[in-house]
């Protein structure tokens, strides 16, 4: 016996097949997409934490622009040149960097 020509019989076979797949017939794709979204969100949080660590937490914080400029002057006296100060977007304080603006 071959494939039934009755649409209702075919629909029952399709429904039975999809029920074996689970997740409403998507074969677990809903779960895959949800896991990928969670992974992407975790990665974004980890990236933000790494940026914070690099840009703020691992650096000396100066309470004013004048304090940071004084630190640059003292560093220059000891041979470190090419520093500049910038206002931190994380803590609102001032940090030093050697990167050009």
PDB file of N, CA and C in Angstrom:
ATOM      1  N   UNK A   1       0.833  -1.160   0.000  1.00  0.00           N
ATOM      2  CA  UNK A   1       0.000   0.000   0.000  1.00  0.00           C
ATOM      3  C   UNK A   1       0.888   1.235   0.000  1.00  0.00           C
ATOM      4  N   UNK A   2       0.450   2.245  -0.703  1.00  0.00           N
ATOM      5  CA  UNK A   2       1.236   3.454  -0.844  1.00  0.00           C
ATOM      6  C   UNK A   2       0.682   4.583  -0.009  1.00  0.00           C
ATOM      7  N   UNK A   3       1.005   5.738  -0.437  1.00  0.00           N
ATOM      8  CA  UNK A   3       0.570   6.953   0.232  1.00  0.00           C
ATOM      9  C   UNK A   3      -0.920   7.155   0.013  1.00  0.00           C
ATOM     10  N   UNK A   4      -1.598   7.537   1.087  1.00  0.00           N
ATOM     11  CA  UNK A   4      -3.031   7.771   0.984  1.00  0.00           C
ATOM     12  C   UNK A   4      -3.281   9.072   0.238  1.00  0.00           C
ATOM     13  N   UNK A   5      -4.377   9.086  -0.521  1.00  0.00           N
ATOM     14  CA  UNK A   5      -4.740  10.303  -1.244  1.00  0.00           C
ATOM     15  C   UNK A   5      -5.653  11.196  -0.424  1.00  0.00           C
ATOM     16  N   UNK A   6      -6.077  10.710   0.717  1.00  0.00           N
ATOM     17  CA  UNK A   6      -6.981  11.491   1.545  1.00  0.00           C
ATOM     18  C   UNK A   6      -6.184  12.531   2.334  1.00  0.00           C
ATOM     19  N   UNK A   7      -6.573  13.802   2.217  1.00  0.00           N
ATOM     20  CA  UNK A   7      -5.860  14.842   2.962  1.00  0.00           C
ATOM     21  C   UNK A   7      -5.903  14.614   4.467  1.00  0.00           C
ATOM     22  N   UNK A   8      -7.019  14.127   4.971  1.00  0.00           N
ATOM     23  CA  UNK A   8      -7.113  13.929   6.418  1.00  0.00           C
ATOM     24  C   UNK A   8      -6.140  12.846   6.886  1.00  0.00           C
ATOM     25  N   UNK A   9      -5.934  11.824   6.094  1.00  0.00           N
ATOM     26  CA  UNK A   9      -5.004  10.755   6.461  1.00  0.00           C
ATOM     27  C   UNK A   9      -3.572  11.289   6.445  1.00  0.00           C
ATOM     28  N   UNK A  10      -3.258  12.108   5.435  1.00  0.00           N
ATOM     29  CA  UNK A  10      -1.921  12.688   5.357  1.00  0.00           C
ATOM     30  C   UNK A  10      -1.667  13.649   6.516  1.00  0.00           C
ATOM     31  N   UNK A  11      -2.690  14.426   6.868  1.00  0.00           N
ATOM     32  CA  UNK A  11      -2.548  15.356   7.984  1.00  0.00           C
ATOM     33  C   UNK A  11      -2.299  14.610   9.288  1.00  0.00           C
ATOM     34  N   UNK A  12      -2.941  13.447   9.476  1.00  0.00           N
ATOM     35  CA  UNK A  12      -2.712  12.646  10.678  1.00  0.00           C
ATOM     36  C   UNK A  12      -1.277  12.139  10.719  1.00  0.00           C
ATOM     37  N   UNK A  13      -0.764  11.710   9.544  1.00  0.00           N
ATOM     38  CA  UNK A  13       0.623  11.228   9.499  1.00  0.00           C
ATOM     39  C   UNK A  13       1.598  12.358   9.814  1.00  0.00           C
ATOM     40  N   UNK A  14       1.346  13.537   9.245  1.00  0.00           N
ATOM     41  CA  UNK A  14       2.215  14.685   9.498  1.00  0.00           C
ATOM     42  C   UNK A  14       2.166  15.066  10.970  1.00  0.00           C
ATOM     43  N   UNK A  15       0.966  15.079  11.559  1.00  0.00           N
ATOM     44  CA  UNK A  15       0.810  15.418  12.964  1.00  0.00           C
ATOM     45  C   UNK A  15       1.534  14.404  13.853  1.00  0.00           C
ATOM     46  N   UNK A  16       1.444  13.132  13.505  1.00  0.00           N
ATOM     47  CA  UNK A  16       2.133  12.099  14.281  1.00  0.00           C
ATOM     48  C   UNK A  16       3.645  12.283  14.194  1.00  0.00           C
ATOM     49  N   UNK A  17       4.130  12.600  12.997  1.00  0.00           N
ATOM     50  CA  UNK A  17       5.562  12.821  12.808  1.00  0.00           C
ATOM     51  C   UNK A  17       6.036  14.023  13.631  1.00  0.00           C
ATOM     52  N   UNK A  18       5.273  15.113  13.564  1.00  0.00           N
ATOM     53  CA  UNK A  18       5.656  16.312  14.304  1.00  0.00           C
ATOM     54  C   UNK A  18       5.603  16.085  15.804  1.00  0.00           C
ATOM     55  N   UNK A  19       4.659  15.279  16.271  1.00  0.00           N
ATOM     56  CA  UNK A  19       4.578  15.018  17.714  1.00  0.00           C
ATOM     57  C   UNK A  19       5.792  14.234  18.191  1.00  0.00           C
ATOM     58  N   UNK A  20       6.370  13.421  17.311  1.00  0.00           N
ATOM     59  CA  UNK A  20       7.577  12.688  17.674  1.00  0.00           C
ATOM     60  C   UNK A  20       8.773  13.631  17.799  1.00  0.00           C
ATOM     61  N   UNK A  21       8.749  14.737  17.047  1.00  0.00           N
ATOM     62  CA  UNK A  21       9.849  15.695  17.102  1.00  0.00           C
ATOM     63  C   UNK A  21       9.845  16.500  18.382  1.00  0.00           C
ATOM     64  N   UNK A  22       8.677  16.764  18.928  1.00  0.00           N
ATOM     65  CA  UNK A  22       8.562  17.581  20.128  1.00  0.00           C
ATOM     66  C   UNK A  22       8.611  19.058  19.789  1.00  0.00           C
ATOM     67  N   UNK A  23       8.438  19.923  20.763  1.00  0.00           N
ATOM     68  CA  UNK A  23       8.471  21.379  20.621  1.00  0.00           C
ATOM     69  C   UNK A  23       7.535  21.883  19.537  1.00  0.00           C
ATOM     70  N   UNK A  24       6.364  21.334  19.475  1.00  0.00           N
ATOM     71  CA  UNK A  24       5.385  21.833  18.514  1.00  0.00           C
ATOM     72  C   UNK A  24       5.729  21.545  17.074  1.00  0.00           C
ATOM     73  N   UNK A  25       6.538  20.523  16.844  1.00  0.00           N
ATOM     74  CA  UNK A  25       6.868  20.160  15.482  1.00  0.00           C
ATOM     75  C   UNK A  25       8.070  20.883  14.915  1.00  0.00           C
ATOM     76  N   UNK A  26       8.746  21.673  15.722  1.00  0.00           N
ATOM     77  CA  UNK A  26       9.911  22.385  15.218  1.00  0.00           C
ATOM     78  C   UNK A  26      11.208  21.619  15.455  1.00  0.00           C
ATOM     79  N   UNK A  27      11.090  20.444  15.985  1.00  0.00           N
ATOM     80  CA  UNK A  27      12.274  19.606  16.160  1.00  0.00           C
ATOM     81  C   UNK A  27      13.292  20.176  17.132  1.00  0.00           C
ATOM     82  N   UNK A  28      12.835  20.898  18.112  1.00  0.00           N
ATOM     83  CA  UNK A  28      13.759  21.454  19.102  1.00  0.00           C
ATOM     84  C   UNK A  28      14.377  22.776  18.684  1.00  0.00           C
ATOM     85  N   UNK A  29      13.951  23.344  17.582  1.00  0.00           N
ATOM     86  CA  UNK A  29      14.533  24.595  17.135  1.00  0.00           C
ATOM     87  C   UNK A  29      14.231  25.733  18.089  1.00  0.00           C
ATOM     88  N   UNK A  30      13.042  25.718  18.704  1.00  0.00           N
ATOM     89  CA  UNK A  30      12.738  26.752  19.689  1.00  0.00           C
ATOM     90  C   UNK A  30      13.789  26.750  20.793  1.00  0.00           C
ATOM     91  N   UNK A  31      14.152  25.556  21.241  1.00  0.00           N
ATOM     92  CA  UNK A  31      15.149  25.422  22.289  1.00  0.00           C
ATOM     93  C   UNK A  31      16.512  25.912  21.803  1.00  0.00           C
ATOM     94  N   UNK A  32      16.859  25.603  20.583  1.00  0.00           N
ATOM     95  CA  UNK A  32      18.141  26.035  20.034  1.00  0.00           C
ATOM     96  C   UNK A  32      18.202  27.556  19.974  1.00  0.00           C
ATOM     97  N   UNK A  33      17.132  28.180  19.491  1.00  0.00           N
ATOM     98  CA  UNK A  33      17.108  29.634  19.405  1.00  0.00           C
ATOM     99  C   UNK A  33      17.152  30.272  20.796  1.00  0.00           C
ATOM    100  N   UNK A  34      16.473  29.691  21.753  1.00  0.00           N
ATOM    101  CA  UNK A  34      16.478  30.223  23.114  1.00  0.00           C
ATOM    102  C   UNK A  34      17.869  30.108  23.723  1.00  0.00           C
ATOM    103  N   UNK A  35      18.518  28.971  23.520  1.00  0.00           N
ATOM    104  CA  UNK A  35      19.876  28.801  24.045  1.00  0.00           C
ATOM    105  C   UNK A  35      20.847  29.763  23.386  1.00  0.00           C
ATOM    106  N   UNK A  36      20.708  29.979  22.087  1.00  0.00           N
ATOM    107  CA  UNK A  36      21.581  30.910  21.381  1.00  0.00           C
ATOM    108  C   UNK A  36      21.376  32.334  21.896  1.00  0.00           C
ATOM    109  N   UNK A  37      20.135  32.705  22.159  1.00  0.00           N
ATOM    110  CA  UNK A  37      19.856  34.041  22.690  1.00  0.00           C
ATOM    111  C   UNK A  37      20.467  34.204  24.077  1.00  0.00           C
ATOM    112  N   UNK A  38      20.347  33.178  24.919  1.00  0.00           N
ATOM    113  CA  UNK A  38      20.945  33.219  26.253  1.00  0.00           C
ATOM    114  C   UNK A  38      22.463  33.329  26.161  1.00  0.00           C
ATOM    115  N   UNK A  39      23.063  32.561  25.248  1.00  0.00           N
ATOM    116  CA  UNK A  39      24.514  32.603  25.068  1.00  0.00           C
ATOM    117  C   UNK A  39      24.957  33.990  24.611  1.00  0.00           C
ATOM    118  N   UNK A  40      24.205  34.555  23.701  1.00  0.00           N
ATOM    119  CA  UNK A  40      24.524  35.885  23.189  1.00  0.00           C
ATOM    120  C   UNK A  40      24.425  36.941  24.295  1.00  0.00           C
ATOM    121  N   UNK A  41      23.402  36.843  25.134  1.00  0.00           N
ATOM    122  CA  UNK A  41      23.245  37.778  26.248  1.00  0.00           C
ATOM    123  C   UNK A  41      24.378  37.626  27.264  1.00  0.00           C
ATOM    124  N   UNK A  42      24.760  36.373  27.571  1.00  0.00           N
ATOM    125  CA  UNK A  42      25.873  36.132  28.493  1.00  0.00           C
ATOM    126  C   UNK A  42      27.164  36.717  27.931  1.00  0.00           C
ATOM    127  N   UNK A  43      27.374  36.519  26.637  1.00  0.00           N
ATOM    128  CA  UNK A  43      28.579  37.031  25.996  1.00  0.00           C
ATOM    129  C   UNK A  43      28.617  38.558  26.051  1.00  0.00           C
ATOM    130  N   UNK A  44      27.477  39.207  25.850  1.00  0.00           N
ATOM    131  CA  UNK A  44      27.425  40.674  25.911  1.00  0.00           C
ATOM    132  C   UNK A  44      27.749  41.165  27.321  1.00  0.00           C
ATOM    133  N   UNK A  45      27.234  40.487  28.343  1.00  0.00           N
ATOM    134  CA  UNK A  45      27.515  40.861  29.730  1.00  0.00           C
ATOM    135  C   UNK A  45      29.001  40.673  30.023  1.00  0.00           C
ATOM    136  N   UNK A  46      29.579  39.552  29.600  1.00  0.00           N
ATOM    137  CA  UNK A  46      31.002  39.296  29.822  1.00  0.00           C
ATOM    138  C   UNK A  46      31.854  40.341  29.108  1.00  0.00           C
ATOM    139  N   UNK A  47      31.439  40.742  27.916  1.00  0.00           N
ATOM    140  CA  UNK A  47      32.168  41.747  27.155  1.00  0.00           C
ATOM    141  C   UNK A  47      32.141  43.089  27.892  1.00  0.00           C
ATOM    142  N   UNK A  48      30.971  43.466  28.397  1.00  0.00           N
ATOM    143  CA  UNK A  48      30.845  44.719  29.147  1.00  0.00           C
ATOM    144  C   UNK A  48      31.700  44.689  30.415  1.00  0.00           C
ATOM    145  N   UNK A  49      31.722  43.546  31.095  1.00  0.00           N
ATOM    146  CA  UNK A  49      32.534  43.421  32.307  1.00  0.00           C
ATOM    147  C   UNK A  49      34.017  43.544  31.975  1.00  0.00           C
ATOM    148  N   UNK A  50      34.433  42.944  30.860  1.00  0.00           N
ATOM    149  CA  UNK A  50      35.838  43.028  30.447  1.00  0.00           C
ATOM    150  C   UNK A  50      36.216  44.465  30.090  1.00  0.00           C
ATOM    151  N   UNK A  51      35.308  45.172  29.416  1.00  0.00           N
ATOM    152  CA  UNK A  51      35.572  46.573  29.092  1.00  0.00           C
ATOM    153  C   UNK A  51      35.705  47.406  30.363  1.00  0.00           C
ATOM    154  N   UNK A  52      34.826  47.176  31.332  1.00  0.00           N
ATOM    155  CA  UNK A  52      34.891  47.900  32.599  1.00  0.00           C
ATOM    156  C   UNK A  52      36.221  47.627  33.292  1.00  0.00           C
ATOM    157  N   UNK A  53      36.621  46.371  33.337  1.00  0.00           N
ATOM    158  CA  UNK A  53      37.878  46.004  34.000  1.00  0.00           C
ATOM    159  C   UNK A  53      39.059  46.701  33.338  1.00  0.00           C
ATOM    160  N   UNK A  54      39.071  46.702  32.014  1.00  0.00           N
ATOM    161  CA  UNK A  54      40.192  47.288  31.282  1.00  0.00           C
ATOM    162  C   UNK A  54      40.191  48.813  31.360  1.00  0.00           C
ATOM    163  N   UNK A  55      39.020  49.433  31.248  1.00  0.00           N
ATOM    164  CA  UNK A  55      38.938  50.889  31.165  1.00  0.00           C
ATOM    165  C   UNK A  55      38.899  51.579  32.519  1.00  0.00           C
ATOM    166  N   UNK A  56      38.472  50.882  33.546  1.00  0.00           N
ATOM    167  CA  UNK A  56      38.269  51.576  34.825  1.00  0.00           C
ATOM    168  C   UNK A  56      38.866  50.831  36.021  1.00  0.00           C
ATOM    169  N   UNK A  57      38.411  49.641  36.267  1.00  0.00           N
ATOM    170  CA  UNK A  57      38.732  48.946  37.519  1.00  0.00           C
ATOM    171  C   UNK A  57      40.223  48.678  37.697  1.00  0.00           C
ATOM    172  N   UNK A  58      40.957  48.499  36.600  1.00  0.00           N
ATOM    173  CA  UNK A  58      42.371  48.170  36.717  1.00  0.00           C
ATOM    174  C   UNK A  58      43.271  49.406  36.717  1.00  0.00           C
ATOM    175  N   UNK A  59      42.670  50.600  36.708  1.00  0.00           N
ATOM    176  CA  UNK A  59      43.461  51.835  36.616  1.00  0.00           C
ATOM    177  C   UNK A  59      43.329  52.668  37.881  1.00  0.00           C
ATOM    178  N   UNK A  60      44.321  53.546  38.076  1.00  0.00           N
ATOM    179  CA  UNK A  60      44.247  54.512  39.170  1.00  0.00           C
ATOM    180  C   UNK A  60      43.185  55.543  38.834  1.00  0.00           C
ATOM    181  N   UNK A  61      42.425  55.923  39.842  1.00  0.00           N
ATOM    182  CA  UNK A  61      41.356  56.907  39.655  1.00  0.00           C
ATOM    183  C   UNK A  61      41.780  58.219  40.304  1.00  0.00           C
ATOM    184  N   UNK A  62      41.622  59.295  39.553  1.00  0.00           N
ATOM    185  CA  UNK A  62      41.915  60.639  40.058  1.00  0.00           C
ATOM    186  C   UNK A  62      40.595  61.383  40.157  1.00  0.00           C
ATOM    187  N   UNK A  63      40.440  62.134  41.240  1.00  0.00           N
ATOM    188  CA  UNK A  63      39.145  62.780  41.490  1.00  0.00           C
ATOM    189  C   UNK A  63      38.919  64.011  40.625  1.00  0.00           C
ATOM    190  N   UNK A  64      39.993  64.596  40.084  1.00  0.00           N
ATOM    191  CA  UNK A  64      39.815  65.781  39.245  1.00  0.00           C
ATOM    192  C   UNK A  64      40.779  65.740  38.070  1.00  0.00           C
ATOM    193  N   UNK A  65      40.482  66.553  37.088  1.00  0.00           N
ATOM    194  CA  UNK A  65      41.338  66.662  35.911  1.00  0.00           C
ATOM    195  C   UNK A  65      42.717  67.194  36.321  1.00  0.00           C
ATOM    196  N   UNK A  66      42.732  68.130  37.258  1.00  0.00           N
ATOM    197  CA  UNK A  66      44.004  68.696  37.723  1.00  0.00           C
ATOM    198  C   UNK A  66      44.874  67.631  38.383  1.00  0.00           C
ATOM    199  N   UNK A  67      44.261  66.751  39.179  1.00  0.00           N
ATOM    200  CA  UNK A  67      45.022  65.657  39.808  1.00  0.00           C
ATOM    201  C   UNK A  67      45.617  64.727  38.754  1.00  0.00           C
ATOM    202  N   UNK A  68      44.844  64.423  37.733  1.00  0.00           N
ATOM    203  CA  UNK A  68      45.333  63.541  36.664  1.00  0.00           C
ATOM    204  C   UNK A  68      46.473  64.204  35.902  1.00  0.00           C
ATOM    205  N   UNK A  69      46.348  65.487  35.627  1.00  0.00           N
ATOM    206  CA  UNK A  69      47.417  66.209  34.927  1.00  0.00           C
ATOM    207  C   UNK A  69      48.680  66.271  35.778  1.00  0.00           C
ATOM    208  N   UNK A  70      48.535  66.405  37.073  1.00  0.00           N
ATOM    209  CA  UNK A  70      49.688  66.390  37.974  1.00  0.00           C
ATOM    210  C   UNK A  70      50.377  65.025  37.926  1.00  0.00           C
ATOM    211  N   UNK A  71      49.593  63.958  37.882  1.00  0.00           N
ATOM    212  CA  UNK A  71      50.164  62.611  37.777  1.00  0.00           C
ATOM    213  C   UNK A  71      50.923  62.457  36.461  1.00  0.00           C
ATOM    214  N   UNK A  72      50.397  63.020  35.386  1.00  0.00           N
ATOM    215  CA  UNK A  72      51.083  62.970  34.086  1.00  0.00           C
ATOM    216  C   UNK A  72      52.419  63.705  34.182  1.00  0.00           C
ATOM    217  N   UNK A  73      52.411  64.866  34.827  1.00  0.00           N
ATOM    218  CA  UNK A  73      53.643  65.638  34.984  1.00  0.00           C
ATOM    219  C   UNK A  73      54.693  64.849  35.786  1.00  0.00           C
ATOM    220  N   UNK A  74      54.250  64.203  36.870  1.00  0.00           N
ATOM    221  CA  UNK A  74      55.175  63.407  37.681  1.00  0.00           C
ATOM    222  C   UNK A  74      55.713  62.201  36.906  1.00  0.00           C
ATOM    223  N   UNK A  75      54.864  61.586  36.116  1.00  0.00           N
ATOM    224  CA  UNK A  75      55.316  60.463  35.295  1.00  0.00           C
ATOM    225  C   UNK A  75      56.355  60.920  34.273  1.00  0.00           C
ATOM    226  N   UNK A  76      56.139  62.099  33.692  1.00  0.00           N
ATOM    227  CA  UNK A  76      57.082  62.636  32.709  1.00  0.00           C
ATOM    228  C   UNK A  76      58.436  62.901  33.356  1.00  0.00           C
ATOM    229  N   UNK A  77      58.440  63.324  34.617  1.00  0.00           N
ATOM    230  CA  UNK A  77      59.704  63.548  35.324  1.00  0.00           C
ATOM    231  C   UNK A  77      60.489  62.256  35.492  1.00  0.00           C
ATOM    232  N   UNK A  78      59.770  61.138  35.527  1.00  0.00           N
ATOM    233  CA  UNK A  78      60.425  59.840  35.686  1.00  0.00           C
ATOM    234  C   UNK A  78      60.619  59.117  34.356  1.00  0.00           C
ATOM    235  N   UNK A  79      60.341  59.812  33.251  1.00  0.00           N
ATOM    236  CA  UNK A  79      60.644  59.246  31.936  1.00  0.00           C
ATOM    237  C   UNK A  79      59.464  58.704  31.152  1.00  0.00           C
ATOM    238  N   UNK A  80      58.290  58.678  31.718  1.00  0.00           N
ATOM    239  CA  UNK A  80      57.127  58.171  30.991  1.00  0.00           C
ATOM    240  C   UNK A  80      56.479  59.330  30.242  1.00  0.00           C
ATOM    241  N   UNK A  81      56.519  59.249  28.938  1.00  0.00           N
ATOM    242  CA  UNK A  81      55.976  60.326  28.107  1.00  0.00           C
ATOM    243  C   UNK A  81      54.770  59.813  27.310  1.00  0.00           C
ATOM    244  N   UNK A  82      54.009  60.752  26.779  1.00  0.00           N
ATOM    245  CA  UNK A  82      52.894  60.394  25.901  1.00  0.00           C
ATOM    246  C   UNK A  82      51.609  60.023  26.616  1.00  0.00           C
ATOM    247  N   UNK A  83      51.482  60.373  27.876  1.00  0.00           N
ATOM    248  CA  UNK A  83      50.247  60.074  28.604  1.00  0.00           C
ATOM    249  C   UNK A  83      49.261  61.223  28.428  1.00  0.00           C
ATOM    250  N   UNK A  84      48.002  60.879  28.528  1.00  0.00           N
ATOM    251  CA  UNK A  84      46.941  61.882  28.547  1.00  0.00           C
ATOM    252  C   UNK A  84      45.881  61.408  29.531  1.00  0.00           C
ATOM    253  N   UNK A  85      45.032  62.319  29.956  1.00  0.00           N
ATOM    254  CA  UNK A  85      43.970  61.970  30.900  1.00  0.00           C
ATOM    255  C   UNK A  85      42.632  61.967  30.167  1.00  0.00           C
ATOM    256  N   UNK A  86      41.699  61.226  30.727  1.00  0.00           N
ATOM    257  CA  UNK A  86      40.340  61.197  30.168  1.00  0.00           C
ATOM    258  C   UNK A  86      39.339  60.959  31.295  1.00  0.00           C
ATOM    259  N   UNK A  87      38.139  61.464  31.094  1.00  0.00           N
ATOM    260  CA  UNK A  87      37.060  61.271  32.067  1.00  0.00           C
ATOM    261  C   UNK A  87      36.436  59.897  31.820  1.00  0.00           C
ATOM    262  N   UNK A  88      36.304  59.124  32.867  1.00  0.00           N
ATOM    263  CA  UNK A  88      35.798  57.752  32.759  1.00  0.00           C
ATOM    264  C   UNK A  88      34.273  57.745  32.683  1.00  0.00           C
ATOM    265  N   UNK A  89      33.772  56.992  31.746  1.00  0.00           N
ATOM    266  CA  UNK A  89      32.312  56.890  31.608  1.00  0.00           C
ATOM    267  C   UNK A  89      31.706  55.938  32.638  1.00  0.00           C
ATOM    268  N   UNK A  90      32.538  55.131  33.283  1.00  0.00           N
ATOM    269  CA  UNK A  90      32.027  54.191  34.278  1.00  0.00           C
ATOM    270  C   UNK A  90      31.945  54.813  35.675  1.00  0.00           C
ATOM    271  N   UNK A  91      33.029  55.466  36.104  1.00  0.00           N
ATOM    272  CA  UNK A  91      33.070  55.954  37.485  1.00  0.00           C
ATOM    273  C   UNK A  91      32.986  57.470  37.589  1.00  0.00           C
ATOM    274  N   UNK A  92      33.152  58.168  36.478  1.00  0.00           N
ATOM    275  CA  UNK A  92      33.097  59.629  36.511  1.00  0.00           C
ATOM    276  C   UNK A  92      34.396  60.266  36.959  1.00  0.00           C
ATOM    277  N   UNK A  93      35.376  59.458  37.334  1.00  0.00           N
ATOM    278  CA  UNK A  93      36.689  59.976  37.727  1.00  0.00           C
ATOM    279  C   UNK A  93      37.567  60.176  36.500  1.00  0.00           C
ATOM    280  N   UNK A  94      38.842  60.389  36.753  1.00  0.00           N
ATOM    281  CA  UNK A  94      39.799  60.608  35.675  1.00  0.00           C
ATOM    282  C   UNK A  94      40.849  59.501  35.714  1.00  0.00           C
ATOM    283  N   UNK A  95      41.243  59.026  34.540  1.00  0.00           N
ATOM    284  CA  UNK A  95      42.275  58.001  34.400  1.00  0.00           C
ATOM    285  C   UNK A  95      43.317  58.479  33.408  1.00  0.00           C
ATOM    286  N   UNK A  96      44.451  57.771  33.374  1.00  0.00           N
ATOM    287  CA  UNK A  96      45.516  58.062  32.423  1.00  0.00           C
ATOM    288  C   UNK A  96      45.567  56.969  31.366  1.00  0.00           C
ATOM    289  N   UNK A  97      45.942  57.352  30.173  1.00  0.00           N
ATOM    290  CA  UNK A  97      46.122  56.388  29.102  1.00  0.00           C
ATOM    291  C   UNK A  97      47.259  56.845  28.207  1.00  0.00           C
ATOM    292  N   UNK A  98      47.857  55.900  27.522  1.00  0.00           N
ATOM    293  CA  UNK A  98      48.898  56.235  26.549  1.00  0.00           C
ATOM    294  C   UNK A  98      48.365  56.201  25.127  1.00  0.00           C
ATOM    295  N   UNK A  99      47.102  55.818  24.984  1.00  0.00           N
ATOM    296  CA  UNK A  99      46.512  55.759  23.647  1.00  0.00           C
ATOM    297  C   UNK A  99      46.241  57.169  23.134  1.00  0.00           C
ATOM    298  N   UNK A 100      46.537  57.414  21.860  1.00  0.00           N
ATOM    299  CA  UNK A 100      46.205  58.726  21.307  1.00  0.00           C
ATOM    300  C   UNK A 100      44.706  58.939  21.253  1.00  0.00           C
ATOM    301  N   UNK A 101      44.309  60.180  21.244  1.00  0.00           N
ATOM    302  CA  UNK A 101      42.873  60.486  21.266  1.00  0.00           C
ATOM    303  C   UNK A 101      42.206  60.155  20.005  1.00  0.00           C
TER     304      UNK A 101
END
